PDB file of N, CA and C in Angstrom:
ATOM      1  N   MET A   1       9.767  -4.878 -10.371  1.00  0.00           N
ATOM      2  CA  MET A   1       8.810  -4.999  -9.336  1.00  0.00           C
ATOM      3  C   MET A   1       9.056  -4.091  -8.596  1.00  0.00           C
ATOM      4  N   LEU A   2       8.288  -3.272  -8.027  1.00  0.00           N
ATOM      5  CA  LEU A   2       8.490  -2.246  -6.769  1.00  0.00           C
ATOM      6  C   LEU A   2       7.823  -2.912  -5.112  1.00  0.00           C
ATOM      7  N   PHE A   3       8.754  -2.716  -4.641  1.00  0.00           N
ATOM      8  CA  PHE A   3       8.072  -3.325  -2.980  1.00  0.00           C
ATOM      9  C   PHE A   3       7.696  -2.147  -1.922  1.00  0.00           C
ATOM     10  N   ILE A   4       7.011  -1.658  -1.620  1.00  0.00           N
ATOM     11  CA  ILE A   4       7.080  -0.430  -0.801  1.00  0.00           C
ATOM     12  C   ILE A   4       6.234  -0.771   0.672  1.00  0.00           C
ATOM     13  N   GLU A   5       7.098  -0.292   1.656  1.00  0.00           N
ATOM     14  CA  GLU A   5       7.106  -1.360   2.844  1.00  0.00           C
ATOM     15  C   GLU A   5       7.530  -0.184   4.235  1.00  0.00           C
ATOM     16  N   TYR A   6       7.131  -0.201   5.094  1.00  0.00           N
ATOM     17  CA  TYR A   6       7.465   0.799   6.313  1.00  0.00           C
ATOM     18  C   TYR A   6       8.393  -0.415   7.011  1.00  0.00           C
ATOM     19  N   PRO A   7       9.935  -0.732   7.039  1.00  0.00           N
ATOM     20  CA  PRO A   7      11.024  -1.255   7.769  1.00  0.00           C
ATOM     21  C   PRO A   7      10.405  -1.975   8.912  1.00  0.00           C
ATOM     22  N   LYS A   8       9.979  -1.233   9.953  1.00  0.00           N
ATOM     23  CA  LYS A   8       9.519  -1.457  11.114  1.00  0.00           C
ATOM     24  C   LYS A   8       8.239  -2.287  11.305  1.00  0.00           C
ATOM     25  N   CYS A   9       7.526  -2.311  10.286  1.00  0.00           N
ATOM     26  CA  CYS A   9       5.790  -3.461   9.913  1.00  0.00           C
ATOM     27  C   CYS A   9       6.505  -4.615  10.319  1.00  0.00           C
ATOM     28  N   THR A  10       6.137  -5.108  11.147  1.00  0.00           N
ATOM     29  CA  THR A  10       6.327  -7.308  10.988  1.00  0.00           C
ATOM     30  C   THR A  10       5.464  -7.454   9.939  1.00  0.00           C
ATOM     31  N   THR A  11       4.852  -7.164   9.289  1.00  0.00           N
ATOM     32  CA  THR A  11       3.871  -7.708   7.863  1.00  0.00           C
ATOM     33  C   THR A  11       4.706  -7.467   7.151  1.00  0.00           C
ATOM     34  N   CYS A  12       5.332  -6.520   6.905  1.00  0.00           N
ATOM     35  CA  CYS A  12       6.320  -5.973   6.086  1.00  0.00           C
ATOM     36  C   CYS A  12       7.519  -6.686   5.999  1.00  0.00           C
ATOM     37  N   LYS A  13       7.834  -6.808   7.296  1.00  0.00           N
ATOM     38  CA  LYS A  13       9.222  -7.881   7.302  1.00  0.00           C
ATOM     39  C   LYS A  13       8.891  -9.413   6.864  1.00  0.00           C
ATOM     40  N   ARG A  14       7.718 -10.341   7.121  1.00  0.00           N
ATOM     41  CA  ARG A  14       7.151 -11.434   6.507  1.00  0.00           C
ATOM     42  C   ARG A  14       7.179 -11.461   5.524  1.00  0.00           C
ATOM     43  N   ALA A  15       6.335 -10.191   4.711  1.00  0.00           N
ATOM     44  CA  ALA A  15       6.563  -9.821   3.052  1.00  0.00           C
ATOM     45  C   ALA A  15       7.624 -10.054   2.506  1.00  0.00           C
ATOM     46  N   LYS A  16       8.678  -9.415   2.971  1.00  0.00           N
ATOM     47  CA  LYS A  16      10.080  -9.254   2.166  1.00  0.00           C
ATOM     48  C   LYS A  16      10.904 -10.595   2.359  1.00  0.00           C
ATOM     49  N   LYS A  17      10.514 -11.038   3.576  1.00  0.00           N
ATOM     50  CA  LYS A  17      11.400 -12.473   3.621  1.00  0.00           C
ATOM     51  C   LYS A  17      10.492 -13.303   2.373  1.00  0.00           C
ATOM     52  N   TRP A  18       9.165 -13.586   2.197  1.00  0.00           N
ATOM     53  CA  TRP A  18       8.881 -14.156   1.651  1.00  0.00           C
ATOM     54  C   TRP A  18       9.072 -14.028  -0.079  1.00  0.00           C
ATOM     55  N   LEU A  19       9.412 -12.715  -0.218  1.00  0.00           N
ATOM     56  CA  LEU A  19      10.064 -12.228  -1.561  1.00  0.00           C
ATOM     57  C   LEU A  19      11.017 -12.648  -1.641  1.00  0.00           C
ATOM     58  N   ASP A  20      12.144 -12.705  -0.437  1.00  0.00           N
ATOM     59  CA  ASP A  20      13.752 -13.311  -0.501  1.00  0.00           C
ATOM     60  C   ASP A  20      13.691 -15.107  -0.988  1.00  0.00           C
ATOM     61  N   GLU A  21      12.752 -15.386  -0.290  1.00  0.00           N
ATOM     62  CA  GLU A  21      12.785 -17.062   0.085  1.00  0.00           C
ATOM     63  C   GLU A  21      12.754 -17.527  -1.535  1.00  0.00           C
ATOM     64  N   HIS A  22      11.451 -16.869  -2.271  1.00  0.00           N
ATOM     65  CA  HIS A  22      11.507 -16.795  -3.324  1.00  0.00           C
ATOM     66  C   HIS A  22      11.901 -16.412  -4.766  1.00  0.00           C
ATOM     67  N   GLN A  23      13.080 -16.322  -4.165  1.00  0.00           N
ATOM     68  CA  GLN A  23      14.041 -15.507  -5.033  1.00  0.00           C
ATOM     69  C   GLN A  23      13.616 -14.397  -6.379  1.00  0.00           C
ATOM     70  N   ILE A  24      12.628 -13.555  -5.827  1.00  0.00           N
ATOM     71  CA  ILE A  24      11.672 -12.797  -6.540  1.00  0.00           C
ATOM     72  C   ILE A  24      12.580 -11.647  -6.369  1.00  0.00           C
ATOM     73  N   SER A  25      13.029 -11.059  -7.330  1.00  0.00           N
ATOM     74  CA  SER A  25      13.659  -9.744  -7.199  1.00  0.00           C
ATOM     75  C   SER A  25      12.575  -8.356  -7.347  1.00  0.00           C
ATOM     76  N   TYR A  26      13.192  -7.178  -6.624  1.00  0.00           N
ATOM     77  CA  TYR A  26      12.479  -6.266  -6.492  1.00  0.00           C
ATOM     78  C   TYR A  26      12.807  -4.878  -6.026  1.00  0.00           C
ATOM     79  N   GLU A  27      12.308  -3.641  -6.140  1.00  0.00           N
ATOM     80  CA  GLU A  27      13.023  -2.557  -5.914  1.00  0.00           C
ATOM     81  C   GLU A  27      12.159  -2.175  -4.666  1.00  0.00           C
ATOM     82  N   ASP A  28      13.189  -2.328  -3.632  1.00  0.00           N
ATOM     83  CA  ASP A  28      12.494  -1.718  -2.007  1.00  0.00           C
ATOM     84  C   ASP A  28      12.480   0.256  -1.914  1.00  0.00           C
ATOM     85  N   ARG A  29      11.505  -0.006  -1.274  1.00  0.00           N
ATOM     86  CA  ARG A  29      11.194   1.812  -1.204  1.00  0.00           C
ATOM     87  C   ARG A  29      10.486   2.292   0.050  1.00  0.00           C
ATOM     88  N   HIS A  30      10.610   2.954   1.269  1.00  0.00           N
ATOM     89  CA  HIS A  30      10.467   2.961   1.981  1.00  0.00           C
ATOM     90  C   HIS A  30       9.222   4.372   2.400  1.00  0.00           C
ATOM     91  N   ILE A  31       8.232   3.904   2.566  1.00  0.00           N
ATOM     92  CA  ILE A  31       6.957   4.253   2.023  1.00  0.00           C
ATOM     93  C   ILE A  31       7.007   5.486   3.053  1.00  0.00           C
ATOM     94  N   VAL A  32       7.836   5.590   4.207  1.00  0.00           N
ATOM     95  CA  VAL A  32       7.752   7.458   4.683  1.00  0.00           C
ATOM     96  C   VAL A  32       8.685   8.190   4.384  1.00  0.00           C
ATOM     97  N   GLU A  33       9.822   7.744   4.053  1.00  0.00           N
ATOM     98  CA  GLU A  33      10.809   8.488   3.611  1.00  0.00           C
ATOM     99  C   GLU A  33      10.693   8.822   1.978  1.00  0.00           C
ATOM    100  N   ASN A  34       9.938   8.263   1.262  1.00  0.00           N
ATOM    101  CA  ASN A  34       9.770   8.528  -0.114  1.00  0.00           C
ATOM    102  C   ASN A  34       7.833   8.242  -0.160  1.00  0.00           C
ATOM    103  N   ASN A  35       6.962   8.446   0.287  1.00  0.00           N
ATOM    104  CA  ASN A  35       5.724   8.577   0.338  1.00  0.00           C
ATOM    105  C   ASN A  35       4.842   8.405  -0.876  1.00  0.00           C
ATOM    106  N   PRO A  36       4.140   7.269  -1.601  1.00  0.00           N
ATOM    107  CA  PRO A  36       3.804   7.219  -2.900  1.00  0.00           C
ATOM    108  C   PRO A  36       2.845   8.742  -3.200  1.00  0.00           C
ATOM    109  N   LYS A  37       3.098   9.398  -4.195  1.00  0.00           N
ATOM    110  CA  LYS A  37       2.438  10.700  -4.715  1.00  0.00           C
ATOM    111  C   LYS A  37       1.001  10.152  -5.209  1.00  0.00           C
ATOM    112  N   ALA A  38       0.633  11.244  -5.013  1.00  0.00           N
ATOM    113  CA  ALA A  38      -0.774  11.211  -5.881  1.00  0.00           C
ATOM    114  C   ALA A  38      -1.260  10.661  -7.157  1.00  0.00           C
ATOM    115  N   GLU A  39      -0.412  10.636  -8.220  1.00  0.00           N
ATOM    116  CA  GLU A  39      -0.336  10.131  -9.395  1.00  0.00           C
ATOM    117  C   GLU A  39      -0.341   8.950  -9.650  1.00  0.00           C
ATOM    118  N   GLU A  40       0.873   8.554  -8.622  1.00  0.00           N
ATOM    119  CA  GLU A  40       1.236   7.051  -8.271  1.00  0.00           C
ATOM    120  C   GLU A  40      -0.184   6.257  -8.063  1.00  0.00           C
ATOM    121  N   LEU A  41      -1.009   6.860  -7.015  1.00  0.00           N
ATOM    122  CA  LEU A  41      -1.840   6.171  -6.101  1.00  0.00           C
ATOM    123  C   LEU A  41      -2.829   5.923  -7.303  1.00  0.00           C
ATOM    124  N   LYS A  42      -3.179   7.249  -7.895  1.00  0.00           N
ATOM    125  CA  LYS A  42      -4.128   6.907  -8.630  1.00  0.00           C
ATOM    126  C   LYS A  42      -4.271   5.851  -9.936  1.00  0.00           C
ATOM    127  N   GLU A  43      -2.909   5.546 -10.593  1.00  0.00           N
ATOM    128  CA  GLU A  43      -2.468   4.742 -11.373  1.00  0.00           C
ATOM    129  C   GLU A  43      -2.484   3.198 -10.631  1.00  0.00           C
ATOM    130  N   TRP A  44      -2.649   2.858  -9.632  1.00  0.00           N
ATOM    131  CA  TRP A  44      -2.278   2.362  -8.546  1.00  0.00           C
ATOM    132  C   TRP A  44      -3.393   1.285  -8.087  1.00  0.00           C
ATOM    133  N   ILE A  45      -4.406   2.015  -7.975  1.00  0.00           N
ATOM    134  CA  ILE A  45      -5.427   1.812  -7.419  1.00  0.00           C
ATOM    135  C   ILE A  45      -6.248   1.652  -8.816  1.00  0.00           C
ATOM    136  N   ALA A  46      -6.496   1.870 -10.164  1.00  0.00           N
ATOM    137  CA  ALA A  46      -6.822   1.734 -11.123  1.00  0.00           C
ATOM    138  C   ALA A  46      -6.608   0.766 -11.707  1.00  0.00           C
ATOM    139  N   VAL A  47      -4.859  -0.054 -11.787  1.00  0.00           N
ATOM    140  CA  VAL A  47      -4.567  -0.895 -12.032  1.00  0.00           C
ATOM    141  C   VAL A  47      -5.393  -1.971 -10.792  1.00  0.00           C
ATOM    142  N   SER A  48      -5.324  -2.170  -9.484  1.00  0.00           N
ATOM    143  CA  SER A  48      -5.740  -2.952  -8.575  1.00  0.00           C
ATOM    144  C   SER A  48      -7.170  -3.601  -8.831  1.00  0.00           C
ATOM    145  N   GLY A  49      -7.765  -2.419  -9.434  1.00  0.00           N
ATOM    146  CA  GLY A  49      -9.811  -2.192  -9.507  1.00  0.00           C
ATOM    147  C   GLY A  49      -9.869  -2.439  -8.460  1.00  0.00           C
ATOM    148  N   LEU A  50      -9.767  -1.771  -7.028  1.00  0.00           N
ATOM    149  CA  LEU A  50      -9.884  -1.542  -5.912  1.00  0.00           C
ATOM    150  C   LEU A  50     -10.593  -0.603  -5.400  1.00  0.00           C
ATOM    151  N   PRO A  51     -11.104  -0.151  -4.523  1.00  0.00           N
ATOM    152  CA  PRO A  51     -12.000   1.011  -3.407  1.00  0.00           C
ATOM    153  C   PRO A  51     -10.387   1.788  -3.260  1.00  0.00           C
ATOM    154  N   VAL A  52     -10.523   2.899  -3.440  1.00  0.00           N
ATOM    155  CA  VAL A  52      -9.511   3.796  -2.537  1.00  0.00           C
ATOM    156  C   VAL A  52      -9.053   3.294  -1.123  1.00  0.00           C
ATOM    157  N   LYS A  53     -10.407   3.052  -0.561  1.00  0.00           N
ATOM    158  CA  LYS A  53     -10.619   3.156   1.052  1.00  0.00           C
ATOM    159  C   LYS A  53      -9.654   1.664   1.104  1.00  0.00           C
ATOM    160  N   ARG A  54      -9.701   1.057   0.013  1.00  0.00           N
ATOM    161  CA  ARG A  54      -8.656  -0.213   0.586  1.00  0.00           C
ATOM    162  C   ARG A  54      -7.002  -0.351   0.793  1.00  0.00           C
ATOM    163  N   PHE A  55      -6.770   1.150   0.672  1.00  0.00           N
ATOM    164  CA  PHE A  55      -5.325   1.508   0.335  1.00  0.00           C
ATOM    165  C   PHE A  55      -4.866   2.651   1.889  1.00  0.00           C
ATOM    166  N   PHE A  56      -6.064   2.680   2.609  1.00  0.00           N
ATOM    167  CA  PHE A  56      -5.825   3.299   3.802  1.00  0.00           C
ATOM    168  C   PHE A  56      -5.408   2.126   5.240  1.00  0.00           C
ATOM    169  N   ASN A  57      -4.539   2.500   5.503  1.00  0.00           N
ATOM    170  CA  ASN A  57      -4.019   1.646   6.755  1.00  0.00           C
ATOM    171  C   ASN A  57      -5.170   2.593   7.736  1.00  0.00           C
ATOM    172  N   THR A  58      -6.043   1.209   7.772  1.00  0.00           N
ATOM    173  CA  THR A  58      -7.197   1.528   9.039  1.00  0.00           C
ATOM    174  C   THR A  58      -6.790   1.213  10.277  1.00  0.00           C
ATOM    175  N   SER A  59      -5.921   0.339  10.762  1.00  0.00           N
ATOM    176  CA  SER A  59      -5.565   0.113  11.662  1.00  0.00           C
ATOM    177  C   SER A  59      -4.801   0.965  12.373  1.00  0.00           C
ATOM    178  N   GLY A  60      -3.989   2.141  11.675  1.00  0.00           N
ATOM    179  CA  GLY A  60      -3.059   2.836  12.065  1.00  0.00           C
ATOM    180  C   GLY A  60      -3.241   4.215  12.914  1.00  0.00           C
ATOM    181  N   MET A  61      -2.383   4.299  13.954  1.00  0.00           N
ATOM    182  CA  MET A  61      -2.919   5.712  14.600  1.00  0.00           C
ATOM    183  C   MET A  61      -3.158   6.700  13.890  1.00  0.00           C
ATOM    184  N   LYS A  62      -2.556   7.339  12.662  1.00  0.00           N
ATOM    185  CA  LYS A  62      -2.700   8.316  11.917  1.00  0.00           C
ATOM    186  C   LYS A  62      -4.097   8.542  11.764  1.00  0.00           C
ATOM    187  N   TYR A  63      -4.428   6.932  11.055  1.00  0.00           N
ATOM    188  CA  TYR A  63      -6.086   7.464  10.522  1.00  0.00           C
ATOM    189  C   TYR A  63      -7.080   7.079  11.620  1.00  0.00           C
ATOM    190  N   ARG A  64      -6.625   6.856  13.098  1.00  0.00           N
ATOM    191  CA  ARG A  64      -7.492   7.451  13.732  1.00  0.00           C
ATOM    192  C   ARG A  64      -7.571   8.235  14.485  1.00  0.00           C
ATOM    193  N   ASP A  65      -6.394   8.908  14.422  1.00  0.00           N
ATOM    194  CA  ASP A  65      -5.680  10.667  14.765  1.00  0.00           C
ATOM    195  C   ASP A  65      -6.750  11.697  14.212  1.00  0.00           C
ATOM    196  N   LEU A  66      -7.100  11.185  13.130  1.00  0.00           N
ATOM    197  CA  LEU A  66      -7.550  12.096  11.923  1.00  0.00           C
ATOM    198  C   LEU A  66      -8.973  11.802  11.890  1.00  0.00           C
ATOM    199  N   GLY A  67      -9.672  10.643  12.830  1.00  0.00           N
ATOM    200  CA  GLY A  67     -10.869  10.745  12.474  1.00  0.00           C
ATOM    201  C   GLY A  67     -11.156  10.277  11.374  1.00  0.00           C
ATOM    202  N   LEU A  68     -10.820   9.237  10.441  1.00  0.00           N
ATOM    203  CA  LEU A  68     -11.288   9.146   8.903  1.00  0.00           C
ATOM    204  C   LEU A  68     -11.950   7.855   8.461  1.00  0.00           C
ATOM    205  N   LYS A  69     -12.474   7.251   9.888  1.00  0.00           N
ATOM    206  CA  LYS A  69     -13.630   6.436   9.476  1.00  0.00           C
ATOM    207  C   LYS A  69     -14.732   6.984   9.347  1.00  0.00           C
ATOM    208  N   ASP A  70     -14.797   7.894  10.085  1.00  0.00           N
ATOM    209  CA  ASP A  70     -16.206   9.036   9.626  1.00  0.00           C
ATOM    210  C   ASP A  70     -15.599  10.383   8.584  1.00  0.00           C
ATOM    211  N   ARG A  71     -14.815  10.640   8.122  1.00  0.00           N
ATOM    212  CA  ARG A  71     -15.149  11.443   7.262  1.00  0.00           C
ATOM    213  C   ARG A  71     -14.397  11.070   5.892  1.00  0.00           C
ATOM    214  N   LEU A  72     -13.560   9.548   5.655  1.00  0.00           N
ATOM    215  CA  LEU A  72     -13.938   9.040   4.486  1.00  0.00           C
ATOM    216  C   LEU A  72     -15.262   9.043   3.967  1.00  0.00           C
ATOM    217  N   PRO A  73     -15.997   8.584   4.072  1.00  0.00           N
ATOM    218  CA  PRO A  73     -17.041   8.438   3.246  1.00  0.00           C
ATOM    219  C   PRO A  73     -17.822   9.669   2.348  1.00  0.00           C
ATOM    220  N   GLU A  74     -17.747  10.968   3.261  1.00  0.00           N
ATOM    221  CA  GLU A  74     -17.793  12.323   2.963  1.00  0.00           C
ATOM    222  C   GLU A  74     -17.194  13.064   2.050  1.00  0.00           C
ATOM    223  N   MET A  75     -16.124  12.274   1.685  1.00  0.00           N
ATOM    224  CA  MET A  75     -14.568  12.847   0.992  1.00  0.00           C
ATOM    225  C   MET A  75     -14.698  12.359  -0.745  1.00  0.00           C
ATOM    226  N   SER A  76     -14.349  12.894  -1.780  1.00  0.00           N
ATOM    227  CA  SER A  76     -14.200  12.551  -3.033  1.00  0.00           C
ATOM    228  C   SER A  76     -13.084  11.593  -3.074  1.00  0.00           C
ATOM    229  N   GLU A  77     -12.965  10.625  -4.299  1.00  0.00           N
ATOM    230  CA  GLU A  77     -12.049   9.854  -4.162  1.00  0.00           C
ATOM    231  C   GLU A  77     -10.719  10.803  -4.422  1.00  0.00           C
ATOM    232  N   GLU A  78     -11.114  11.584  -5.399  1.00  0.00           N
ATOM    233  CA  GLU A  78      -9.479  12.478  -5.512  1.00  0.00           C
ATOM    234  C   GLU A  78      -8.962  13.352  -3.858  1.00  0.00           C
ATOM    235  N   GLU A  79      -9.899  13.735  -3.083  1.00  0.00           N
ATOM    236  CA  GLU A  79      -9.731  14.027  -1.737  1.00  0.00           C
ATOM    237  C   GLU A  79      -8.960  12.677  -1.173  1.00  0.00           C
ATOM    238  N   GLN A  80      -9.373  11.840  -1.170  1.00  0.00           N
ATOM    239  CA  GLN A  80      -9.074  10.609  -0.563  1.00  0.00           C
ATOM    240  C   GLN A  80      -7.554  10.447  -1.321  1.00  0.00           C
ATOM    241  N   ILE A  81      -7.135  10.454  -2.234  1.00  0.00           N
ATOM    242  CA  ILE A  81      -6.143  10.202  -2.555  1.00  0.00           C
ATOM    243  C   ILE A  81      -4.931  11.131  -2.716  1.00  0.00           C
ATOM    244  N   ASP A  82      -5.935  12.678  -2.307  1.00  0.00           N
ATOM    245  CA  ASP A  82      -4.668  13.693  -2.300  1.00  0.00           C
ATOM    246  C   ASP A  82      -4.314  13.479  -0.529  1.00  0.00           C
ATOM    247  N   LEU A  83      -4.852  12.691   0.204  1.00  0.00           N
ATOM    248  CA  LEU A  83      -4.812  12.905   1.573  1.00  0.00           C
ATOM    249  C   LEU A  83      -3.879  11.469   1.934  1.00  0.00           C
ATOM    250  N   LEU A  84      -4.203  10.535   1.067  1.00  0.00           N
ATOM    251  CA  LEU A  84      -3.202   9.461   1.216  1.00  0.00           C
ATOM    252  C   LEU A  84      -1.949   9.893   0.598  1.00  0.00           C
ATOM    253  N   ALA A  85      -1.515  10.974  -0.290  1.00  0.00           N
ATOM    254  CA  ALA A  85      -0.208  11.286  -0.826  1.00  0.00           C
ATOM    255  C   ALA A  85       0.523  11.890   0.281  1.00  0.00           C
ATOM    256  N   THR A  86      -0.208  12.611   1.396  1.00  0.00           N
ATOM    257  CA  THR A  86       0.218  13.338   2.183  1.00  0.00           C
ATOM    258  C   THR A  86       1.207  13.074   3.734  1.00  0.00           C
ATOM    259  N   ASP A  87       1.163  11.391   3.783  1.00  0.00           N
ATOM    260  CA  ASP A  87       1.594  10.341   4.578  1.00  0.00           C
ATOM    261  C   ASP A  87       1.836   9.101   4.196  1.00  0.00           C
ATOM    262  N   GLY A  88       3.175   8.321   4.516  1.00  0.00           N
ATOM    263  CA  GLY A  88       3.078   7.217   4.178  1.00  0.00           C
ATOM    264  C   GLY A  88       2.487   6.239   5.068  1.00  0.00           C
ATOM    265  N   MET A  89       2.222   7.041   6.324  1.00  0.00           N
ATOM    266  CA  MET A  89       1.492   5.921   7.910  1.00  0.00           C
ATOM    267  C   MET A  89       0.090   5.717   7.556  1.00  0.00           C
ATOM    268  N   LEU A  90      -0.371   6.671   6.370  1.00  0.00           N
ATOM    269  CA  LEU A  90      -1.756   6.304   6.008  1.00  0.00           C
ATOM    270  C   LEU A  90      -2.117   5.458   5.019  1.00  0.00           C
ATOM    271  N   VAL A  91      -0.821   5.047   4.929  1.00  0.00           N
ATOM    272  CA  VAL A  91      -1.242   4.160   3.495  1.00  0.00           C
ATOM    273  C   VAL A  91      -0.947   2.501   3.842  1.00  0.00           C
ATOM    274  N   LYS A  92      -1.701   1.573   3.326  1.00  0.00           N
ATOM    275  CA  LYS A  92      -2.089   0.033   3.876  1.00  0.00           C
ATOM    276  C   LYS A  92      -0.541  -0.655   3.108  1.00  0.00           C
ATOM    277  N   ARG A  93       0.253  -1.160   3.996  1.00  0.00           N
ATOM    278  CA  ARG A  93       1.146  -1.845   3.399  1.00  0.00           C
ATOM    279  C   ARG A  93       1.525  -3.112   3.755  1.00  0.00           C
ATOM    280  N   PRO A  94       2.289  -3.762   3.147  1.00  0.00           N
ATOM    281  CA  PRO A  94       3.240  -3.771   2.255  1.00  0.00           C
ATOM    282  C   PRO A  94       2.565  -3.837   1.146  1.00  0.00           C
ATOM    283  N   LEU A  95       3.065  -2.739   0.308  1.00  0.00           N
ATOM    284  CA  LEU A  95       2.168  -2.814  -1.614  1.00  0.00           C
ATOM    285  C   LEU A  95       3.273  -3.333  -2.148  1.00  0.00           C
ATOM    286  N   VAL A  96       2.819  -4.342  -3.280  1.00  0.00           N
ATOM    287  CA  VAL A  96       3.806  -4.662  -4.090  1.00  0.00           C
ATOM    288  C   VAL A  96       2.820  -4.246  -5.844  1.00  0.00           C
ATOM    289  N   ILE A  97       4.250  -3.776  -6.499  1.00  0.00           N
ATOM    290  CA  ILE A  97       2.943  -3.401  -8.062  1.00  0.00           C
ATOM    291  C   ILE A  97       4.270  -3.696  -8.745  1.00  0.00           C
ATOM    292  N   GLY A  98       3.458  -4.313  -9.659  1.00  0.00           N
ATOM    293  CA  GLY A  98       4.251  -5.616 -10.769  1.00  0.00           C
ATOM    294  C   GLY A  98       3.309  -4.286 -12.068  1.00  0.00           C
ATOM    295  N   ASP A  99       4.078  -5.066 -13.317  1.00  0.00           N
ATOM    296  CA  ASP A  99       3.675  -4.634 -14.592  1.00  0.00           C
ATOM    297  C   ASP A  99       1.768  -4.636 -14.624  1.00  0.00           C
ATOM    298  N   ASP A 100       1.583  -5.577 -14.380  1.00  0.00           N
ATOM    299  CA  ASP A 100      -0.138  -5.535 -14.375  1.00  0.00           C
ATOM    300  C   ASP A 100      -1.313  -6.122 -13.097  1.00  0.00           C
ATOM    301  N   PHE A 101      -0.473  -5.530 -11.829  1.00  0.00           N
ATOM    302  CA  PHE A 101      -0.796  -6.278 -10.815  1.00  0.00           C
ATOM    303  C   PHE A 101      -0.606  -5.321  -9.709  1.00  0.00           C
ATOM    304  N   VAL A 102      -1.379  -5.083  -8.661  1.00  0.00           N
ATOM    305  CA  VAL A 102      -0.780  -4.196  -7.385  1.00  0.00           C
ATOM    306  C   VAL A 102      -1.492  -5.263  -6.113  1.00  0.00           C
ATOM    307  N   LEU A 103      -0.549  -5.209  -4.873  1.00  0.00           N
ATOM    308  CA  LEU A 103      -1.261  -5.747  -4.238  1.00  0.00           C
ATOM    309  C   LEU A 103      -0.836  -5.459  -2.683  1.00  0.00           C
ATOM    310  N   ILE A 104      -1.950  -5.086  -2.473  1.00  0.00           N
ATOM    311  CA  ILE A 104      -1.993  -4.813  -0.689  1.00  0.00           C
ATOM    312  C   ILE A 104      -2.234  -5.079   0.538  1.00  0.00           C
ATOM    313  N   GLY A 105      -0.994  -5.105   1.114  1.00  0.00           N
ATOM    314  CA  GLY A 105      -0.818  -5.766   2.723  1.00  0.00           C
ATOM    315  C   GLY A 105      -0.398  -7.766   2.126  1.00  0.00           C
ATOM    316  N   PHE A 106      -0.143  -8.546   3.051  1.00  0.00           N
ATOM    317  CA  PHE A 106       0.610  -9.336   2.309  1.00  0.00           C
ATOM    318  C   PHE A 106      -0.164 -10.946   3.011  1.00  0.00           C
ATOM    319  N   LYS A 107      -1.169 -11.579   2.017  1.00  0.00           N
ATOM    320  CA  LYS A 107      -1.622 -12.927   1.805  1.00  0.00           C
ATOM    321  C   LYS A 107      -0.949 -13.390   1.325  1.00  0.00           C
ATOM    322  N   GLU A 108      -0.366 -14.554   1.768  1.00  0.00           N
ATOM    323  CA  GLU A 108       0.902 -15.610   1.422  1.00  0.00           C
ATOM    324  C   GLU A 108       0.022 -16.155  -0.082  1.00  0.00           C
ATOM    325  N   GLU A 109      -0.624 -16.781   0.112  1.00  0.00           N
ATOM    326  CA  GLU A 109      -1.791 -17.329  -1.182  1.00  0.00           C
ATOM    327  C   GLU A 109      -2.146 -16.501  -2.082  1.00  0.00           C
ATOM    328  N   GLN A 110      -2.153 -15.378  -2.307  1.00  0.00           N
ATOM    329  CA  GLN A 110      -2.862 -14.253  -2.675  1.00  0.00           C
ATOM    330  C   GLN A 110      -1.639 -13.867  -3.640  1.00  0.00           C
ATOM    331  N   TRP A 111      -0.193 -13.927  -3.050  1.00  0.00           N
ATOM    332  CA  TRP A 111       1.198 -13.222  -3.313  1.00  0.00           C
ATOM    333  C   TRP A 111       1.438 -14.438  -4.011  1.00  0.00           C
ATOM    334  N   GLY A 112       1.450 -16.056  -3.824  1.00  0.00           N
ATOM    335  CA  GLY A 112       1.812 -16.973  -5.086  1.00  0.00           C
ATOM    336  C   GLY A 112       1.169 -17.456  -5.747  1.00  0.00           C
ATOM    337  N   ASN A 113       0.005 -16.540  -5.815  1.00  0.00           N
ATOM    338  CA  ASN A 113      -0.723 -16.842  -7.131  1.00  0.00           C
ATOM    339  C   ASN A 113      -0.488 -16.076  -8.166  1.00  0.00           C
ATOM    340  N   THR A 114      -0.400 -14.834  -7.503  1.00  0.00           N
ATOM    341  CA  THR A 114      -0.062 -13.455  -8.820  1.00  0.00           C
ATOM    342  C   THR A 114       1.258 -13.087  -9.287  1.00  0.00           C
ATOM    343  N   ILE A 115       2.210 -13.334  -8.333  1.00  0.00           N
ATOM    344  CA  ILE A 115       3.852 -12.887  -8.428  1.00  0.00           C
ATOM    345  C   ILE A 115       4.378 -13.977  -9.075  1.00  0.00           C
ATOM    346  N   LYS A 116       4.737 -14.232 -10.277  1.00  0.00           N
ATOM    347  CA  LYS A 116       5.480 -15.115 -10.978  1.00  0.00           C
ATOM    348  C   LYS A 116       6.700 -14.967 -11.231  1.00  0.00           C
TER     349      LYS A 116
END
């Protein structure tokens, strides 16, 4: 399982603590130092069944600075994915990638029901 985080993010810290407390093994990846590539994002979006917009960190400074609230609706899915692949700070986190699931953000109940 792959755990993608921004170490300074408090939600990521809580999620990591939850994984450790439940003795779930994972590979840790820093989202800024090793930003998800467009190919990875396409695969994860497909597995998650969620729209691309859900993968954006809509509360982040970068999202606001780029005016993405207004720009995203005019962009194609391909353009949105390419944009996400340019900067880890645009991607919602944490992300957990399993063999047959992708979780975005940390919702304890959802994680408990999904991660085995």
